[in-house]
Amino acid sequence: MQCMTRYPNHQNPTDCHEQHVISDKNLVTANGTSALAFTAAVLQLIHFQSSQELTRTSDPYRLEFYQYCPKYDNPFG
């Protein structure tokens, strides 16, 4: 498992995950650099918006402006 090679001090080799966000039933956890992905996972868990609407709402922060505009159009123009 690549995770155990990168993190040899990890105590449980069967429970080492390299995803930024992990969700199991009503629990969501993330590493310290994944605040946006964590927030999106929590909002999806509580059915705050549809998955498509949630992606569209978070994409301005996840994508660069010049990647966002061709996908959704310029929000300022």
PDB file of N, CA and C in Angstrom:
ATOM      1  N   MET A   1       0.849  -1.180   0.000  1.00  0.00           N
ATOM      2  CA  MET A   1       0.000   0.000   0.000  1.00  0.00           C
ATOM      3  C   MET A   1       0.894   1.242   0.000  1.00  0.00           C
ATOM      4  N   GLN A   2       0.676   2.138  -0.924  1.00  0.00           N
ATOM      5  CA  GLN A   2       1.503   3.330  -1.052  1.00  0.00           C
ATOM      6  C   GLN A   2       1.410   4.215   0.195  1.00  0.00           C
ATOM      7  N   CYS A   3       0.268   4.257   0.817  1.00  0.00           N
ATOM      8  CA  CYS A   3       0.072   5.063   2.017  1.00  0.00           C
ATOM      9  C   CYS A   3       1.057   4.664   3.114  1.00  0.00           C
ATOM     10  N   MET A   4       1.254   3.369   3.302  1.00  0.00           N
ATOM     11  CA  MET A   4       2.155   2.894   4.354  1.00  0.00           C
ATOM     12  C   MET A   4       3.610   3.180   4.002  1.00  0.00           C
ATOM     13  N   THR A   5       3.931   3.239   2.727  1.00  0.00           N
ATOM     14  CA  THR A   5       5.289   3.587   2.315  1.00  0.00           C
ATOM     15  C   THR A   5       5.559   5.054   2.622  1.00  0.00           C
ATOM     16  N   ARG A   6       4.583   5.895   2.384  1.00  0.00           N
ATOM     17  CA  ARG A   6       4.742   7.326   2.620  1.00  0.00           C
ATOM     18  C   ARG A   6       4.647   7.682   4.097  1.00  0.00           C
ATOM     19  N   TYR A   7       3.886   6.915   4.867  1.00  0.00           N
ATOM     20  CA  TYR A   7       3.678   7.201   6.288  1.00  0.00           C
ATOM     21  C   TYR A   7       3.978   5.947   7.107  1.00  0.00           C
ATOM     22  N   PRO A   8       5.252   5.591   7.256  1.00  0.00           N
ATOM     23  CA  PRO A   8       5.597   4.321   7.902  1.00  0.00           C
ATOM     24  C   PRO A   8       5.208   4.234   9.377  1.00  0.00           C
ATOM     25  N   ASN A   9       4.985   5.353  10.049  1.00  0.00           N
ATOM     26  CA  ASN A   9       4.609   5.326  11.466  1.00  0.00           C
ATOM     27  C   ASN A   9       3.110   5.185  11.692  1.00  0.00           C
ATOM     28  N   HIS A  10       2.342   5.131  10.616  1.00  0.00           N
ATOM     29  CA  HIS A  10       0.891   4.955  10.753  1.00  0.00           C
ATOM     30  C   HIS A  10       0.630   3.600  11.398  1.00  0.00           C
ATOM     31  N   GLN A  11      -0.218   3.552  12.410  1.00  0.00           N
ATOM     32  CA  GLN A  11      -0.390   2.359  13.228  1.00  0.00           C
ATOM     33  C   GLN A  11      -1.324   1.303  12.644  1.00  0.00           C
ATOM     34  N   ASN A  12      -2.234   1.686  11.780  1.00  0.00           N
ATOM     35  CA  ASN A  12      -3.228   0.743  11.277  1.00  0.00           C
ATOM     36  C   ASN A  12      -3.142   0.678   9.751  1.00  0.00           C
ATOM     37  N   PRO A  13      -2.394  -0.249   9.188  1.00  0.00           N
ATOM     38  CA  PRO A  13      -2.193  -0.280   7.738  1.00  0.00           C
ATOM     39  C   PRO A  13      -3.466  -0.536   6.936  1.00  0.00           C
ATOM     40  N   THR A  14      -4.468  -1.170   7.521  1.00  0.00           N
ATOM     41  CA  THR A  14      -5.704  -1.428   6.772  1.00  0.00           C
ATOM     42  C   THR A  14      -6.626  -0.215   6.751  1.00  0.00           C
ATOM     43  N   ASP A  15      -6.291   0.804   7.513  1.00  0.00           N
ATOM     44  CA  ASP A  15      -7.149   1.986   7.618  1.00  0.00           C
ATOM     45  C   ASP A  15      -6.420   3.262   7.200  1.00  0.00           C
ATOM     46  N   CYS A  16      -5.448   3.137   6.339  1.00  0.00           N
ATOM     47  CA  CYS A  16      -4.689   4.293   5.852  1.00  0.00           C
ATOM     48  C   CYS A  16      -5.277   4.722   4.507  1.00  0.00           C
ATOM     49  N   HIS A  17      -5.809   5.928   4.442  1.00  0.00           N
ATOM     50  CA  HIS A  17      -6.460   6.431   3.228  1.00  0.00           C
ATOM     51  C   HIS A  17      -5.734   7.671   2.742  1.00  0.00           C
ATOM     52  N   GLU A  18      -5.609   7.789   1.434  1.00  0.00           N
ATOM     53  CA  GLU A  18      -4.942   8.955   0.870  1.00  0.00           C
ATOM     54  C   GLU A  18      -5.933   9.979   0.298  1.00  0.00           C
ATOM     55  N   GLN A  19      -7.230   9.780   0.485  1.00  0.00           N
ATOM     56  CA  GLN A  19      -8.208  10.763   0.028  1.00  0.00           C
ATOM     57  C   GLN A  19      -8.146  11.991   0.929  1.00  0.00           C
ATOM     58  N   HIS A  20      -8.523  13.130   0.367  1.00  0.00           N
ATOM     59  CA  HIS A  20      -8.559  14.364   1.154  1.00  0.00           C
ATOM     60  C   HIS A  20      -9.717  14.362   2.138  1.00  0.00           C
ATOM     61  N   VAL A  21     -10.842  13.786   1.722  1.00  0.00           N
ATOM     62  CA  VAL A  21     -12.043  13.764   2.560  1.00  0.00           C
ATOM     63  C   VAL A  21     -12.586  12.339   2.581  1.00  0.00           C
ATOM     64  N   ILE A  22     -12.974  11.896   3.761  1.00  0.00           N
ATOM     65  CA  ILE A  22     -13.570  10.574   3.912  1.00  0.00           C
ATOM     66  C   ILE A  22     -14.889  10.730   4.665  1.00  0.00           C
ATOM     67  N   SER A  23     -15.914  10.063   4.155  1.00  0.00           N
ATOM     68  CA  SER A  23     -17.229  10.117   4.783  1.00  0.00           C
ATOM     69  C   SER A  23     -17.699   8.696   5.042  1.00  0.00           C
ATOM     70  N   ASP A  24     -18.260   8.478   6.227  1.00  0.00           N
ATOM     71  CA  ASP A  24     -18.798   7.175   6.594  1.00  0.00           C
ATOM     72  C   ASP A  24     -20.044   7.409   7.436  1.00  0.00           C
ATOM     73  N   LYS A  25     -21.175   7.021   6.893  1.00  0.00           N
ATOM     74  CA  LYS A  25     -22.467   7.266   7.535  1.00  0.00           C
ATOM     75  C   LYS A  25     -22.618   8.756   7.836  1.00  0.00           C
ATOM     76  N   ASN A  26     -22.692   9.162   9.103  1.00  0.00           N
ATOM     77  CA  ASN A  26     -22.882  10.572   9.444  1.00  0.00           C
ATOM     78  C   ASN A  26     -21.600  11.262   9.882  1.00  0.00           C
ATOM     79  N   LEU A  27     -20.458  10.704   9.548  1.00  0.00           N
ATOM     80  CA  LEU A  27     -19.174  11.274   9.938  1.00  0.00           C
ATOM     81  C   LEU A  27     -18.398  11.686   8.707  1.00  0.00           C
ATOM     82  N   VAL A  28     -17.871  12.895   8.731  1.00  0.00           N
ATOM     83  CA  VAL A  28     -17.016  13.390   7.652  1.00  0.00           C
ATOM     84  C   VAL A  28     -15.732  13.886   8.299  1.00  0.00           C
ATOM     85  N   THR A  29     -14.606  13.498   7.735  1.00  0.00           N
ATOM     86  CA  THR A  29     -13.321  13.982   8.229  1.00  0.00           C
ATOM     87  C   THR A  29     -12.437  14.322   7.037  1.00  0.00           C
ATOM     88  N   ALA A  30     -11.479  15.208   7.260  1.00  0.00           N
ATOM     89  CA  ALA A  30     -10.597  15.632   6.175  1.00  0.00           C
ATOM     90  C   ALA A  30      -9.240  15.996   6.744  1.00  0.00           C
ATOM     91  N   ASN A  31      -8.249  16.027   5.840  1.00  0.00           N
ATOM     92  CA  ASN A  31      -6.944  16.491   6.290  1.00  0.00           C
ATOM     93  C   ASN A  31      -6.972  18.016   6.410  1.00  0.00           C
ATOM     94  N   GLY A  32      -5.949  18.598   6.937  1.00  0.00           N
ATOM     95  CA  GLY A  32      -5.944  20.029   7.233  1.00  0.00           C
ATOM     96  C   GLY A  32      -5.932  20.950   6.037  1.00  0.00           C
ATOM     97  N   THR A  33      -5.666  20.420   4.842  1.00  0.00           N
ATOM     98  CA  THR A  33      -5.595  21.278   3.659  1.00  0.00           C
ATOM     99  C   THR A  33      -6.847  21.208   2.791  1.00  0.00           C
ATOM    100  N   SER A  34      -7.878  20.572   3.269  1.00  0.00           N
ATOM    101  CA  SER A  34      -9.058  20.326   2.432  1.00  0.00           C
ATOM    102  C   SER A  34     -10.324  20.959   2.981  1.00  0.00           C
ATOM    103  N   ALA A  35     -10.240  22.193   3.382  1.00  0.00           N
ATOM    104  CA  ALA A  35     -11.398  22.861   3.977  1.00  0.00           C
ATOM    105  C   ALA A  35     -12.578  22.940   3.003  1.00  0.00           C
ATOM    106  N   LEU A  36     -12.320  23.265   1.759  1.00  0.00           N
ATOM    107  CA  LEU A  36     -13.409  23.390   0.783  1.00  0.00           C
ATOM    108  C   LEU A  36     -14.053  22.033   0.493  1.00  0.00           C
ATOM    109  N   ALA A  37     -13.242  21.009   0.312  1.00  0.00           N
ATOM    110  CA  ALA A  37     -13.779  19.668   0.058  1.00  0.00           C
ATOM    111  C   ALA A  37     -14.540  19.151   1.282  1.00  0.00           C
ATOM    112  N   PHE A  38     -14.040  19.448   2.475  1.00  0.00           N
ATOM    113  CA  PHE A  38     -14.719  19.054   3.702  1.00  0.00           C
ATOM    114  C   PHE A  38     -16.076  19.727   3.801  1.00  0.00           C
ATOM    115  N   THR A  39     -16.122  21.014   3.546  1.00  0.00           N
ATOM    116  CA  THR A  39     -17.381  21.760   3.601  1.00  0.00           C
ATOM    117  C   THR A  39     -18.380  21.213   2.590  1.00  0.00           C
ATOM    118  N   ALA A  40     -17.917  20.935   1.386  1.00  0.00           N
ATOM    119  CA  ALA A  40     -18.801  20.383   0.361  1.00  0.00           C
ATOM    120  C   ALA A  40     -19.341  19.021   0.780  1.00  0.00           C
ATOM    121  N   ALA A  41     -18.510  18.188   1.393  1.00  0.00           N
ATOM    122  CA  ALA A  41     -18.954  16.867   1.840  1.00  0.00           C
ATOM    123  C   ALA A  41     -20.006  16.980   2.942  1.00  0.00           C
ATOM    124  N   VAL A  42     -19.818  17.921   3.868  1.00  0.00           N
ATOM    125  CA  VAL A  42     -20.798  18.115   4.943  1.00  0.00           C
ATOM    126  C   VAL A  42     -22.115  18.632   4.361  1.00  0.00           C
ATOM    127  N   LEU A  43     -22.044  19.599   3.457  1.00  0.00           N
ATOM    128  CA  LEU A  43     -23.259  20.139   2.842  1.00  0.00           C
ATOM    129  C   LEU A  43     -23.994  19.076   2.040  1.00  0.00           C
ATOM    130  N   GLN A  44     -23.252  18.201   1.386  1.00  0.00           N
ATOM    131  CA  GLN A  44     -23.879  17.112   0.640  1.00  0.00           C
ATOM    132  C   GLN A  44     -24.524  16.114   1.599  1.00  0.00           C
ATOM    133  N   LEU A  45     -23.871  15.851   2.716  1.00  0.00           N
ATOM    134  CA  LEU A  45     -24.403  14.908   3.708  1.00  0.00           C
ATOM    135  C   LEU A  45     -25.737  15.384   4.278  1.00  0.00           C
ATOM    136  N   ILE A  46     -25.876  16.695   4.503  1.00  0.00           N
ATOM    137  CA  ILE A  46     -27.122  17.220   5.067  1.00  0.00           C
ATOM    138  C   ILE A  46     -28.119  17.638   3.994  1.00  0.00           C
ATOM    139  N   HIS A  47     -27.799  17.317   2.715  1.00  0.00           N
ATOM    140  CA  HIS A  47     -28.683  17.620   1.580  1.00  0.00           C
ATOM    141  C   HIS A  47     -29.001  19.113   1.495  1.00  0.00           C
ATOM    142  N   PHE A  48     -27.983  19.943   1.687  1.00  0.00           N
ATOM    143  CA  PHE A  48     -28.150  21.389   1.621  1.00  0.00           C
ATOM    144  C   PHE A  48     -28.527  21.851   0.220  1.00  0.00           C
ATOM    145  N   GLN A  49     -27.868  21.268  -0.788  1.00  0.00           N
ATOM    146  CA  GLN A  49     -28.162  21.544  -2.189  1.00  0.00           C
ATOM    147  C   GLN A  49     -28.010  20.244  -2.955  1.00  0.00           C
ATOM    148  N   SER A  50     -28.513  20.235  -4.181  1.00  0.00           N
ATOM    149  CA  SER A  50     -28.272  19.067  -5.027  1.00  0.00           C
ATOM    150  C   SER A  50     -26.774  18.992  -5.317  1.00  0.00           C
ATOM    151  N   SER A  51     -26.307  17.832  -5.693  1.00  0.00           N
ATOM    152  CA  SER A  51     -24.890  17.649  -5.982  1.00  0.00           C
ATOM    153  C   SER A  51     -24.437  18.580  -7.104  1.00  0.00           C
ATOM    154  N   GLN A  52     -25.275  18.735  -8.129  1.00  0.00           N
ATOM    155  CA  GLN A  52     -24.945  19.609  -9.257  1.00  0.00           C
ATOM    156  C   GLN A  52     -24.869  21.068  -8.805  1.00  0.00           C
ATOM    157  N   GLU A  53     -25.811  21.525  -8.006  1.00  0.00           N
ATOM    158  CA  GLU A  53     -25.822  22.901  -7.526  1.00  0.00           C
ATOM    159  C   GLU A  53     -24.656  23.147  -6.574  1.00  0.00           C
ATOM    160  N   LEU A  54     -24.335  22.175  -5.762  1.00  0.00           N
ATOM    161  CA  LEU A  54     -23.209  22.302  -4.842  1.00  0.00           C
ATOM    162  C   LEU A  54     -21.894  22.440  -5.605  1.00  0.00           C
ATOM    163  N   THR A  55     -21.739  21.658  -6.664  1.00  0.00           N
ATOM    164  CA  THR A  55     -20.533  21.766  -7.499  1.00  0.00           C
ATOM    165  C   THR A  55     -20.456  23.142  -8.131  1.00  0.00           C
ATOM    166  N   ARG A  56     -21.562  23.626  -8.652  1.00  0.00           N
ATOM    167  CA  ARG A  56     -21.570  24.950  -9.283  1.00  0.00           C
ATOM    168  C   ARG A  56     -21.272  26.053  -8.260  1.00  0.00           C
ATOM    169  N   THR A  57     -21.751  25.900  -7.040  1.00  0.00           N
ATOM    170  CA  THR A  57     -21.515  26.894  -6.000  1.00  0.00           C
ATOM    171  C   THR A  57     -20.061  26.900  -5.532  1.00  0.00           C
ATOM    172  N   SER A  58     -19.439  25.737  -5.452  1.00  0.00           N
ATOM    173  CA  SER A  58     -18.069  25.675  -4.943  1.00  0.00           C
ATOM    174  C   SER A  58     -17.009  25.828  -6.034  1.00  0.00           C
ATOM    175  N   ASP A  59     -17.372  25.640  -7.291  1.00  0.00           N
ATOM    176  CA  ASP A  59     -16.392  25.734  -8.371  1.00  0.00           C
ATOM    177  C   ASP A  59     -15.674  27.085  -8.469  1.00  0.00           C
ATOM    178  N   PRO A  60     -16.314  28.225  -8.188  1.00  0.00           N
ATOM    179  CA  PRO A  60     -15.553  29.482  -8.261  1.00  0.00           C
ATOM    180  C   PRO A  60     -14.360  29.492  -7.307  1.00  0.00           C
ATOM    181  N   TYR A  61     -14.445  28.779  -6.223  1.00  0.00           N
ATOM    182  CA  TYR A  61     -13.355  28.730  -5.245  1.00  0.00           C
ATOM    183  C   TYR A  61     -12.376  27.612  -5.574  1.00  0.00           C
ATOM    184  N   ARG A  62     -12.868  26.558  -6.202  1.00  0.00           N
ATOM    185  CA  ARG A  62     -12.040  25.398  -6.516  1.00  0.00           C
ATOM    186  C   ARG A  62     -11.284  25.586  -7.827  1.00  0.00           C
ATOM    187  N   LEU A  63     -11.928  26.170  -8.812  1.00  0.00           N
ATOM    188  CA  LEU A  63     -11.314  26.398 -10.115  1.00  0.00           C
ATOM    189  C   LEU A  63     -10.730  27.804 -10.186  1.00  0.00           C
ATOM    190  N   GLU A  64      -9.791  27.990 -11.052  1.00  0.00           N
ATOM    191  CA  GLU A  64      -9.326  29.352 -11.318  1.00  0.00           C
ATOM    192  C   GLU A  64     -10.380  30.065 -12.162  1.00  0.00           C
ATOM    193  N   PHE A  65     -10.370  31.391 -12.112  1.00  0.00           N
ATOM    194  CA  PHE A  65     -11.370  32.194 -12.805  1.00  0.00           C
ATOM    195  C   PHE A  65     -11.456  31.831 -14.286  1.00  0.00           C
ATOM    196  N   TYR A  66     -10.306  31.635 -14.947  1.00  0.00           N
ATOM    197  CA  TYR A  66     -10.310  31.374 -16.391  1.00  0.00           C
ATOM    198  C   TYR A  66     -10.730  29.943 -16.730  1.00  0.00           C
ATOM    199  N   GLN A  67     -10.789  29.070 -15.757  1.00  0.00           N
ATOM    200  CA  GLN A  67     -11.369  27.740 -15.970  1.00  0.00           C
ATOM    201  C   GLN A  67     -12.863  27.765 -15.665  1.00  0.00           C
ATOM    202  N   TYR A  68     -13.263  28.633 -14.748  1.00  0.00           N
ATOM    203  CA  TYR A  68     -14.669  28.738 -14.360  1.00  0.00           C
ATOM    204  C   TYR A  68     -15.511  29.338 -15.487  1.00  0.00           C
ATOM    205  N   CYS A  69     -15.039  30.416 -16.088  1.00  0.00           N
ATOM    206  CA  CYS A  69     -15.833  31.149 -17.094  1.00  0.00           C
ATOM    207  C   CYS A  69     -16.277  30.288 -18.278  1.00  0.00           C
ATOM    208  N   PRO A  70     -15.403  29.503 -18.915  1.00  0.00           N
ATOM    209  CA  PRO A  70     -15.894  28.685 -20.024  1.00  0.00           C
ATOM    210  C   PRO A  70     -16.930  27.649 -19.589  1.00  0.00           C
ATOM    211  N   LYS A  71     -16.858  27.221 -18.347  1.00  0.00           N
ATOM    212  CA  LYS A  71     -17.775  26.194 -17.864  1.00  0.00           C
ATOM    213  C   LYS A  71     -19.133  26.772 -17.484  1.00  0.00           C
ATOM    214  N   TYR A  72     -19.138  27.945 -16.820  1.00  0.00           N
ATOM    215  CA  TYR A  72     -20.386  28.514 -16.290  1.00  0.00           C
ATOM    216  C   TYR A  72     -20.710  29.922 -16.791  1.00  0.00           C
ATOM    217  N   ASP A  73     -19.814  30.536 -17.541  1.00  0.00           N
ATOM    218  CA  ASP A  73     -19.939  31.905 -18.043  1.00  0.00           C
ATOM    219  C   ASP A  73     -19.366  32.861 -16.995  1.00  0.00           C
ATOM    220  N   ASN A  74     -19.083  34.059 -17.417  1.00  0.00           N
ATOM    221  CA  ASN A  74     -18.478  35.078 -16.548  1.00  0.00           C
ATOM    222  C   ASN A  74     -19.515  35.599 -15.567  1.00  0.00           C
ATOM    223  N   PRO A  75     -19.285  35.416 -14.258  1.00  0.00           N
ATOM    224  CA  PRO A  75     -20.274  35.886 -13.280  1.00  0.00           C
ATOM    225  C   PRO A  75     -20.300  37.409 -13.125  1.00  0.00           C
ATOM    226  N   PHE A  76     -19.314  38.095 -13.700  1.00  0.00           N
ATOM    227  CA  PHE A  76     -19.228  39.552 -13.549  1.00  0.00           C
ATOM    228  C   PHE A  76     -19.595  40.298 -14.830  1.00  0.00           C
ATOM    229  N   GLY A  77     -19.965  39.565 -15.866  1.00  0.00           N
ATOM    230  CA  GLY A  77     -20.193  40.268 -17.117  1.00  0.00           C
ATOM    231  C   GLY A  77     -21.416  39.927 -17.821  1.00  0.00           C
TER     232      GLY A  77
END
